[in-house]
C-alpha cells in the first residue's frame, strides 16, 4: 500500500514539476512528498535488512532490527537534521548563508518541519545504496557513513540548485555552483555521514538494494529534468552520472556482496 501511494504521488508530482507547475492550492504537496519519501525509504530498510537465518558467517550477522529501534533512529535523524538546518539558517556555518520560504511547509525557528523528514529520506535512501564489503559492527558503521555522505552530496549537487531556482530556499551570498556555495556540499558530506551513525549497522538484502537504487535514481533524475527545464544543464549531467553510479553499485552487489533474497 505504501509503495503504491509513494510512487503514485511521485508520478503526479514529477509530471507537474517537470512539464507544468504545482498549483498554489497544492503547494503543501512539496512537503508531503518529503514525508512520504522518508517513510518509504525507512520501510525499505526495515523490510530489507538481512535476517539471522541467512546462511552467512556469524561474524557478519546483522543485529536484530525492531520497529521501535528504527523509529528511534528516525527520530534522532529528524532531530539532528533540524538542528544542523537551524545552525545553518541562523549562523551561516556548515552550509553557508541561506533562508527558507514556506513552500516546504510551516517553519519551526526558521526551518520547515519537513526538512527533518528530508534528512531521514536522504540518509535512509543512501544506506540502501551502501556496500558492506564483508564488514560488520563499528567498521561497517564508519564505512557506511562515508558512503552515505558521498551519495548525499551527489544528490545535493542536483537538488540544491533546482530548489534554489524554484524558490524553496534562497542563498544570500550566491556564487559557487549555480548560486549554491561550495561550502554547502561539504556540509552535506559531514551532516549526511554523521546522521547515518544513528541507524543500526545492519546488512541489507539484494531486493532492498534494488528498491533503494531505483528510488535514488528516480529522485535524482526527477530533479535533473527539473534542472534542465530551469536552464541548469549540468544538474542533468550529474543526475545521469549519479544514475549510472547507482546502477553500477547495484550490479557489483549482485555479483558479490549482497544475498539475492
C-alpha atoms as a PDB file:
ATOM      1  CA  UNK A   1       0.000   0.000   0.000  1.00  0.00           C
ATOM      2  CA  UNK A   2       2.723   2.473   0.986  1.00  0.00           C
ATOM      3  CA  UNK A   3       4.692   1.623  -2.133  1.00  0.00           C
ATOM      4  CA  UNK A   4       1.674   2.355  -4.347  1.00  0.00           C
ATOM      5  CA  UNK A   5       0.932   5.634  -2.572  1.00  0.00           C
ATOM      6  CA  UNK A   6       4.530   6.828  -2.801  1.00  0.00           C
ATOM      7  CA  UNK A   7       5.059   6.025  -6.466  1.00  0.00           C
ATOM      8  CA  UNK A   8       1.644   7.435  -7.370  1.00  0.00           C
ATOM      9  CA  UNK A   9       2.465  10.668  -5.561  1.00  0.00           C
ATOM     10  CA  UNK A  10       5.912  10.716  -7.167  1.00  0.00           C
ATOM     11  CA  UNK A  11       4.492  10.257 -10.690  1.00  0.00           C
ATOM     12  CA  UNK A  12       1.942  13.058 -10.322  1.00  0.00           C
ATOM     13  CA  UNK A  13       4.468  15.391  -8.699  1.00  0.00           C
ATOM     14  CA  UNK A  14       7.150  14.680 -11.294  1.00  0.00           C
ATOM     15  CA  UNK A  15       4.760  15.410 -14.170  1.00  0.00           C
ATOM     16  CA  UNK A  16       3.671  18.705 -12.607  1.00  0.00           C
ATOM     17  CA  UNK A  17       7.190  19.847 -11.686  1.00  0.00           C
ATOM     18  CA  UNK A  18       8.849  18.859 -14.962  1.00  0.00           C
ATOM     19  CA  UNK A  19       6.206  19.818 -17.523  1.00  0.00           C
ATOM     20  CA  UNK A  20       3.819  22.185 -15.780  1.00  0.00           C
ATOM     21  CA  UNK A  21       3.815  23.759 -12.299  1.00  0.00           C
ATOM     22  CA  UNK A  22       2.318  22.913  -8.930  1.00  0.00           C
ATOM     23  CA  UNK A  23      -0.947  24.844  -8.414  1.00  0.00           C
ATOM     24  CA  UNK A  24      -0.881  27.206  -5.452  1.00  0.00           C
ATOM     25  CA  UNK A  25      -3.549  25.170  -3.692  1.00  0.00           C
ATOM     26  CA  UNK A  26      -1.314  22.095  -3.875  1.00  0.00           C
ATOM     27  CA  UNK A  27       1.889  23.681  -2.549  1.00  0.00           C
ATOM     28  CA  UNK A  28       1.561  21.508   0.566  1.00  0.00           C
ATOM     29  CA  UNK A  29       2.344  18.514  -1.657  1.00  0.00           C
ATOM     30  CA  UNK A  30       6.025  19.514  -1.794  1.00  0.00           C
ATOM     31  CA  UNK A  31       6.465  18.967   1.938  1.00  0.00           C
ATOM     32  CA  UNK A  32       4.229  15.908   1.948  1.00  0.00           C
ATOM     33  CA  UNK A  33       6.456  14.307  -0.690  1.00  0.00           C
ATOM     34  CA  UNK A  34       9.423  14.616   1.677  1.00  0.00           C
ATOM     35  CA  UNK A  35       7.442  12.854   4.410  1.00  0.00           C
ATOM     36  CA  UNK A  36       6.377  10.030   2.068  1.00  0.00           C
ATOM     37  CA  UNK A  37       9.936   9.714   0.761  1.00  0.00           C
ATOM     38  CA  UNK A  38      11.235   9.339   4.318  1.00  0.00           C
ATOM     39  CA  UNK A  39       8.607   6.779   5.329  1.00  0.00           C
ATOM     40  CA  UNK A  40       9.072   4.721   2.162  1.00  0.00           C
ATOM     41  CA  UNK A  41      12.888   4.686   2.390  1.00  0.00           C
ATOM     42  CA  UNK A  42      12.678   3.718   6.070  1.00  0.00           C
ATOM     43  CA  UNK A  43      10.249   0.914   5.278  1.00  0.00           C
ATOM     44  CA  UNK A  44      12.625  -0.420   2.621  1.00  0.00           C
ATOM     45  CA  UNK A  45      15.365  -0.648   5.246  1.00  0.00           C
ATOM     46  CA  UNK A  46      13.130  -2.397   7.776  1.00  0.00           C
ATOM     47  CA  UNK A  47      11.757  -4.905   5.283  1.00  0.00           C
ATOM     48  CA  UNK A  48      15.093  -5.445   3.593  1.00  0.00           C
ATOM     49  CA  UNK A  49      17.566  -5.995   6.405  1.00  0.00           C
ATOM     50  CA  UNK A  50      19.300  -9.376   6.420  1.00  0.00           C
ATOM     51  CA  UNK A  51      17.731 -11.723   8.970  1.00  0.00           C
ATOM     52  CA  UNK A  52      19.738 -14.011  11.212  1.00  0.00           C
ATOM     53  CA  UNK A  53      18.705 -17.134   9.359  1.00  0.00           C
ATOM     54  CA  UNK A  54      20.602 -16.096   6.220  1.00  0.00           C
ATOM     55  CA  UNK A  55      23.439 -18.536   5.615  1.00  0.00           C
ATOM     56  CA  UNK A  56      26.437 -16.261   6.044  1.00  0.00           C
ATOM     57  CA  UNK A  57      29.319 -16.415   8.547  1.00  0.00           C
ATOM     58  CA  UNK A  58      28.176 -15.472  12.049  1.00  0.00           C
ATOM     59  CA  UNK A  59      30.846 -12.796  12.201  1.00  0.00           C
ATOM     60  CA  UNK A  60      28.852 -10.613   9.841  1.00  0.00           C
ATOM     61  CA  UNK A  61      25.333 -11.258  11.171  1.00  0.00           C
ATOM     62  CA  UNK A  62      23.231  -8.130  11.401  1.00  0.00           C
ATOM     63  CA  UNK A  63      21.765  -7.157  14.774  1.00  0.00           C
ATOM     64  CA  UNK A  64      18.033  -7.681  15.213  1.00  0.00           C
ATOM     65  CA  UNK A  65      16.161  -4.696  13.821  1.00  0.00           C
ATOM     66  CA  UNK A  66      12.953  -3.980  15.700  1.00  0.00           C
ATOM     67  CA  UNK A  67      10.398  -1.368  14.596  1.00  0.00           C
ATOM     68  CA  UNK A  68      10.951   0.666  17.765  1.00  0.00           C
ATOM     69  CA  UNK A  69      14.690   0.738  17.162  1.00  0.00           C
ATOM     70  CA  UNK A  70      14.216   2.054  13.647  1.00  0.00           C
ATOM     71  CA  UNK A  71      11.675   4.638  14.830  1.00  0.00           C
ATOM     72  CA  UNK A  72      14.097   5.882  17.477  1.00  0.00           C
ATOM     73  CA  UNK A  73      16.832   6.137  14.836  1.00  0.00           C
ATOM     74  CA  UNK A  74      14.477   8.069  12.558  1.00  0.00           C
ATOM     75  CA  UNK A  75      13.544  10.430  15.395  1.00  0.00           C
ATOM     76  CA  UNK A  76      17.231  11.078  16.103  1.00  0.00           C
ATOM     77  CA  UNK A  77      17.930  11.773  12.435  1.00  0.00           C
ATOM     78  CA  UNK A  78      14.931  14.138  12.286  1.00  0.00           C
ATOM     79  CA  UNK A  79      16.167  15.988  15.368  1.00  0.00           C
ATOM     80  CA  UNK A  80      19.751  16.066  14.153  1.00  0.00           C
ATOM     81  CA  UNK A  81      18.699  17.219  10.693  1.00  0.00           C
ATOM     82  CA  UNK A  82      16.564  20.018  12.104  1.00  0.00           C
ATOM     83  CA  UNK A  83      19.427  21.001  14.390  1.00  0.00           C
ATOM     84  CA  UNK A  84      22.012  21.317  11.600  1.00  0.00           C
ATOM     85  CA  UNK A  85      19.493  23.249   9.496  1.00  0.00           C
ATOM     86  CA  UNK A  86      18.849  25.612  12.421  1.00  0.00           C
ATOM     87  CA  UNK A  87      22.590  26.183  12.751  1.00  0.00           C
ATOM     88  CA  UNK A  88      22.852  26.780   9.016  1.00  0.00           C
ATOM     89  CA  UNK A  89      19.942  29.226   8.853  1.00  0.00           C
ATOM     90  CA  UNK A  90      20.865  31.250  11.941  1.00  0.00           C
ATOM     91  CA  UNK A  91      24.666  31.256  11.771  1.00  0.00           C
ATOM     92  CA  UNK A  92      25.623  30.627   8.153  1.00  0.00           C
ATOM     93  CA  UNK A  93      28.017  27.921   9.312  1.00  0.00           C
ATOM     94  CA  UNK A  94      28.271  24.436   7.753  1.00  0.00           C
ATOM     95  CA  UNK A  95      26.134  25.099   4.648  1.00  0.00           C
ATOM     96  CA  UNK A  96      26.501  28.814   4.005  1.00  0.00           C
ATOM     97  CA  UNK A  97      24.131  31.746   4.414  1.00  0.00           C
ATOM     98  CA  UNK A  98      20.580  30.900   3.311  1.00  0.00           C
ATOM     99  CA  UNK A  99      16.931  31.145   4.278  1.00  0.00           C
ATOM    100  CA  UNK A 100      13.792  29.052   3.701  1.00  0.00           C
ATOM    101  CA  UNK A 101      10.442  30.004   2.223  1.00  0.00           C
ATOM    102  CA  UNK A 102       7.234  28.328   3.392  1.00  0.00           C
ATOM    103  CA  UNK A 103       6.840  26.264   0.214  1.00  0.00           C
ATOM    104  CA  UNK A 104       8.029  23.127   2.023  1.00  0.00           C
ATOM    105  CA  UNK A 105       5.704  23.649   4.982  1.00  0.00           C
ATOM    106  CA  UNK A 106       5.418  25.648   8.206  1.00  0.00           C
ATOM    107  CA  UNK A 107       8.637  26.957   9.710  1.00  0.00           C
ATOM    108  CA  UNK A 108       9.977  25.979  13.111  1.00  0.00           C
ATOM    109  CA  UNK A 109      12.566  28.570  14.175  1.00  0.00           C
ATOM    110  CA  UNK A 110      13.155  29.372  10.512  1.00  0.00           C
ATOM    111  CA  UNK A 111      13.330  25.746   9.307  1.00  0.00           C
ATOM    112  CA  UNK A 112      10.459  23.863   7.601  1.00  0.00           C
ATOM    113  CA  UNK A 113       9.385  20.963   9.830  1.00  0.00           C
ATOM    114  CA  UNK A 114       9.522  18.706   6.773  1.00  0.00           C
ATOM    115  CA  UNK A 115      13.292  19.204   6.468  1.00  0.00           C
ATOM    116  CA  UNK A 116      13.836  16.690   9.247  1.00  0.00           C
ATOM    117  CA  UNK A 117      11.963  14.145   7.116  1.00  0.00           C
ATOM    118  CA  UNK A 118      14.072  15.146   4.125  1.00  0.00           C
ATOM    119  CA  UNK A 119      17.197  14.163   6.053  1.00  0.00           C
ATOM    120  CA  UNK A 120      15.592  10.849   7.045  1.00  0.00           C
ATOM    121  CA  UNK A 121      14.797  10.220   3.373  1.00  0.00           C
ATOM    122  CA  UNK A 122      18.264  11.111   2.096  1.00  0.00           C
ATOM    123  CA  UNK A 123      20.108   9.104   4.753  1.00  0.00           C
ATOM    124  CA  UNK A 124      17.882   6.009   4.549  1.00  0.00           C
ATOM    125  CA  UNK A 125      17.922   6.004   0.762  1.00  0.00           C
ATOM    126  CA  UNK A 126      21.718   6.345   0.734  1.00  0.00           C
ATOM    127  CA  UNK A 127      22.054   3.474   3.236  1.00  0.00           C
ATOM    128  CA  UNK A 128      20.209   1.239   0.773  1.00  0.00           C
ATOM    129  CA  UNK A 129      22.921   2.020  -1.771  1.00  0.00           C
ATOM    130  CA  UNK A 130      25.817   1.278   0.578  1.00  0.00           C
ATOM    131  CA  UNK A 131      28.002  -1.827   0.278  1.00  0.00           C
ATOM    132  CA  UNK A 132      29.299  -3.626   3.374  1.00  0.00           C
ATOM    133  CA  UNK A 133      32.357  -5.335   1.818  1.00  0.00           C
ATOM    134  CA  UNK A 134      32.076  -8.093   4.422  1.00  0.00           C
ATOM    135  CA  UNK A 135      32.378  -5.735   7.394  1.00  0.00           C
ATOM    136  CA  UNK A 136      30.162  -5.533  10.473  1.00  0.00           C
ATOM    137  CA  UNK A 137      29.821  -3.564  13.717  1.00  0.00           C
ATOM    138  CA  UNK A 138      31.580  -0.222  14.030  1.00  0.00           C
ATOM    139  CA  UNK A 139      33.688  -0.861  10.903  1.00  0.00           C
ATOM    140  CA  UNK A 140      30.537  -1.216   8.826  1.00  0.00           C
ATOM    141  CA  UNK A 141      29.052   1.854  10.512  1.00  0.00           C
ATOM    142  CA  UNK A 142      32.077   4.017   9.634  1.00  0.00           C
ATOM    143  CA  UNK A 143      32.346   2.703   6.072  1.00  0.00           C
ATOM    144  CA  UNK A 144      28.645   3.270   5.591  1.00  0.00           C
ATOM    145  CA  UNK A 145      28.932   6.830   6.942  1.00  0.00           C
ATOM    146  CA  UNK A 146      31.460   7.741   4.246  1.00  0.00           C
ATOM    147  CA  UNK A 147      29.281   6.191   1.554  1.00  0.00           C
ATOM    148  CA  UNK A 148      26.106   7.881   2.811  1.00  0.00           C
ATOM    149  CA  UNK A 149      27.828  11.265   2.846  1.00  0.00           C
ATOM    150  CA  UNK A 150      29.061  10.744  -0.712  1.00  0.00           C
ATOM    151  CA  UNK A 151      25.660   9.670  -2.086  1.00  0.00           C
ATOM    152  CA  UNK A 152      24.036  12.597  -0.268  1.00  0.00           C
ATOM    153  CA  UNK A 153      26.434  15.120  -1.835  1.00  0.00           C
ATOM    154  CA  UNK A 154      25.873  13.663  -5.298  1.00  0.00           C
ATOM    155  CA  UNK A 155      22.119  14.089  -4.855  1.00  0.00           C
ATOM    156  CA  UNK A 156      22.527  17.585  -3.449  1.00  0.00           C
ATOM    157  CA  UNK A 157      24.577  18.708  -6.458  1.00  0.00           C
ATOM    158  CA  UNK A 158      21.331  18.295  -8.391  1.00  0.00           C
ATOM    159  CA  UNK A 159      18.760  19.080  -5.707  1.00  0.00           C
ATOM    160  CA  UNK A 160      20.118  22.328  -4.263  1.00  0.00           C
ATOM    161  CA  UNK A 161      20.465  24.356  -7.472  1.00  0.00           C
ATOM    162  CA  UNK A 162      16.970  23.255  -8.537  1.00  0.00           C
ATOM    163  CA  UNK A 163      15.436  24.075  -5.146  1.00  0.00           C
ATOM    164  CA  UNK A 164      17.162  27.468  -5.228  1.00  0.00           C
ATOM    165  CA  UNK A 165      15.822  28.149  -8.726  1.00  0.00           C
ATOM    166  CA  UNK A 166      12.301  27.139  -7.642  1.00  0.00           C
ATOM    167  CA  UNK A 167      12.417  29.351  -4.542  1.00  0.00           C
ATOM    168  CA  UNK A 168      12.290  26.565  -1.937  1.00  0.00           C
ATOM    169  CA  UNK A 169      15.187  28.335  -0.237  1.00  0.00           C
ATOM    170  CA  UNK A 170      17.440  31.254  -1.111  1.00  0.00           C
ATOM    171  CA  UNK A 171      21.205  31.585  -0.904  1.00  0.00           C
ATOM    172  CA  UNK A 172      22.221  35.042   0.208  1.00  0.00           C
ATOM    173  CA  UNK A 173      25.866  35.017  -0.907  1.00  0.00           C
ATOM    174  CA  UNK A 174      25.477  33.496  -4.373  1.00  0.00           C
ATOM    175  CA  UNK A 175      28.441  32.225  -6.338  1.00  0.00           C
ATOM    176  CA  UNK A 176      29.607  28.641  -6.246  1.00  0.00           C
ATOM    177  CA  UNK A 177      27.607  26.158  -8.322  1.00  0.00           C
ATOM    178  CA  UNK A 178      24.503  27.750  -9.858  1.00  0.00           C
ATOM    179  CA  UNK A 179      24.321  30.138  -6.919  1.00  0.00           C
ATOM    180  CA  UNK A 180      24.989  27.467  -4.285  1.00  0.00           C
ATOM    181  CA  UNK A 181      28.209  27.975  -2.279  1.00  0.00           C
ATOM    182  CA  UNK A 182      30.739  25.149  -2.416  1.00  0.00           C
ATOM    183  CA  UNK A 183      30.770  25.005   1.390  1.00  0.00           C
ATOM    184  CA  UNK A 184      27.194  23.682   1.248  1.00  0.00           C
ATOM    185  CA  UNK A 185      28.328  20.434  -0.329  1.00  0.00           C
ATOM    186  CA  UNK A 186      30.987  19.966   2.319  1.00  0.00           C
ATOM    187  CA  UNK A 187      28.254  20.498   4.909  1.00  0.00           C
ATOM    188  CA  UNK A 188      26.117  17.814   3.284  1.00  0.00           C
ATOM    189  CA  UNK A 189      29.029  15.389   3.346  1.00  0.00           C
ATOM    190  CA  UNK A 190      29.571  15.964   7.062  1.00  0.00           C
ATOM    191  CA  UNK A 191      25.889  16.040   8.040  1.00  0.00           C
ATOM    192  CA  UNK A 192      24.932  13.005   5.968  1.00  0.00           C
ATOM    193  CA  UNK A 193      27.836  10.975   7.335  1.00  0.00           C
ATOM    194  CA  UNK A 194      27.142  11.860  10.970  1.00  0.00           C
ATOM    195  CA  UNK A 195      23.365  11.378  10.768  1.00  0.00           C
ATOM    196  CA  UNK A 196      23.840   7.900   9.290  1.00  0.00           C
ATOM    197  CA  UNK A 197      25.519   6.845  12.546  1.00  0.00           C
ATOM    198  CA  UNK A 198      22.096   6.923  14.218  1.00  0.00           C
ATOM    199  CA  UNK A 199      20.994   3.933  12.133  1.00  0.00           C
ATOM    200  CA  UNK A 200      21.904   0.383  13.260  1.00  0.00           C
ATOM    201  CA  UNK A 201      24.725  -1.252  11.297  1.00  0.00           C
ATOM    202  CA  UNK A 202      22.512  -3.806   9.550  1.00  0.00           C
ATOM    203  CA  UNK A 203      23.219  -5.598   6.292  1.00  0.00           C
ATOM    204  CA  UNK A 204      20.548  -5.468   3.601  1.00  0.00           C
ATOM    205  CA  UNK A 205      19.345  -7.940   1.012  1.00  0.00           C
ATOM    206  CA  UNK A 206      19.679  -7.643  -2.747  1.00  0.00           C
ATOM    207  CA  UNK A 207      15.966  -6.916  -3.060  1.00  0.00           C
ATOM    208  CA  UNK A 208      16.248  -3.944  -0.706  1.00  0.00           C
ATOM    209  CA  UNK A 209      19.335  -2.703  -2.539  1.00  0.00           C
ATOM    210  CA  UNK A 210      17.466  -2.867  -5.837  1.00  0.00           C
ATOM    211  CA  UNK A 211      14.489  -0.944  -4.437  1.00  0.00           C
ATOM    212  CA  UNK A 212      16.807   1.652  -2.909  1.00  0.00           C
ATOM    213  CA  UNK A 213      18.698   2.054  -6.172  1.00  0.00           C
ATOM    214  CA  UNK A 214      15.533   2.596  -8.183  1.00  0.00           C
ATOM    215  CA  UNK A 215      14.297   5.082  -5.598  1.00  0.00           C
ATOM    216  CA  UNK A 216      17.530   7.080  -5.669  1.00  0.00           C
ATOM    217  CA  UNK A 217      17.620   7.039  -9.472  1.00  0.00           C
ATOM    218  CA  UNK A 218      14.009   8.202  -9.714  1.00  0.00           C
ATOM    219  CA  UNK A 219      14.562  11.119  -7.337  1.00  0.00           C
ATOM    220  CA  UNK A 220      17.861  12.331  -8.803  1.00  0.00           C
ATOM    221  CA  UNK A 221      16.571  12.067 -12.387  1.00  0.00           C
ATOM    222  CA  UNK A 222      13.419  13.977 -11.482  1.00  0.00           C
ATOM    223  CA  UNK A 223      15.457  16.870 -10.120  1.00  0.00           C
ATOM    224  CA  UNK A 224      17.829  16.612 -13.072  1.00  0.00           C
ATOM    225  CA  UNK A 225      14.943  17.028 -15.502  1.00  0.00           C
ATOM    226  CA  UNK A 226      13.559  19.945 -13.499  1.00  0.00           C
ATOM    227  CA  UNK A 227      17.034  21.469 -13.610  1.00  0.00           C
ATOM    228  CA  UNK A 228      17.084  21.087 -17.386  1.00  0.00           C
ATOM    229  CA  UNK A 229      13.790  22.974 -17.562  1.00  0.00           C
ATOM    230  CA  UNK A 230      15.212  25.689 -15.293  1.00  0.00           C
ATOM    231  CA  UNK A 231      18.269  26.166 -17.515  1.00  0.00           C
ATOM    232  CA  UNK A 232      20.670  24.184 -15.307  1.00  0.00           C
ATOM    233  CA  UNK A 233      22.077  21.603 -17.761  1.00  0.00           C
ATOM    234  CA  UNK A 234      24.938  20.479 -15.505  1.00  0.00           C
ATOM    235  CA  UNK A 235      22.354  19.247 -12.997  1.00  0.00           C
ATOM    236  CA  UNK A 236      21.023  16.850 -15.618  1.00  0.00           C
ATOM    237  CA  UNK A 237      24.550  15.684 -16.432  1.00  0.00           C
ATOM    238  CA  UNK A 238      25.225  14.993 -12.744  1.00  0.00           C
ATOM    239  CA  UNK A 239      21.860  13.224 -12.424  1.00  0.00           C
ATOM    240  CA  UNK A 240      22.799  10.879 -15.267  1.00  0.00           C
ATOM    241  CA  UNK A 241      26.195  10.225 -13.676  1.00  0.00           C
ATOM    242  CA  UNK A 242      24.525   9.510 -10.336  1.00  0.00           C
ATOM    243  CA  UNK A 243      22.082   7.130 -12.003  1.00  0.00           C
ATOM    244  CA  UNK A 244      24.916   5.238 -13.688  1.00  0.00           C
ATOM    245  CA  UNK A 245      26.986   5.038 -10.493  1.00  0.00           C
ATOM    246  CA  UNK A 246      23.999   3.746  -8.517  1.00  0.00           C
ATOM    247  CA  UNK A 247      23.334   1.109 -11.184  1.00  0.00           C
ATOM    248  CA  UNK A 248      26.992   0.112 -11.208  1.00  0.00           C
ATOM    249  CA  UNK A 249      26.955  -0.303  -7.434  1.00  0.00           C
ATOM    250  CA  UNK A 250      23.848  -2.487  -7.652  1.00  0.00           C
ATOM    251  CA  UNK A 251      25.358  -4.720 -10.318  1.00  0.00           C
ATOM    252  CA  UNK A 252      28.516  -5.068  -8.242  1.00  0.00           C
ATOM    253  CA  UNK A 253      26.414  -6.052  -5.239  1.00  0.00           C
ATOM    254  CA  UNK A 254      24.539  -8.657  -7.254  1.00  0.00           C
ATOM    255  CA  UNK A 255      27.819 -10.251  -8.209  1.00  0.00           C
ATOM    256  CA  UNK A 256      29.465 -10.374  -4.821  1.00  0.00           C
ATOM    257  CA  UNK A 257      28.248  -8.701  -1.683  1.00  0.00           C
ATOM    258  CA  UNK A 258      24.511  -8.906  -1.019  1.00  0.00           C
ATOM    259  CA  UNK A 259      22.373 -12.053  -0.687  1.00  0.00           C
ATOM    260  CA  UNK A 260      19.830 -12.232  -3.518  1.00  0.00           C
ATOM    261  CA  UNK A 261      16.623 -12.514  -1.466  1.00  0.00           C
END
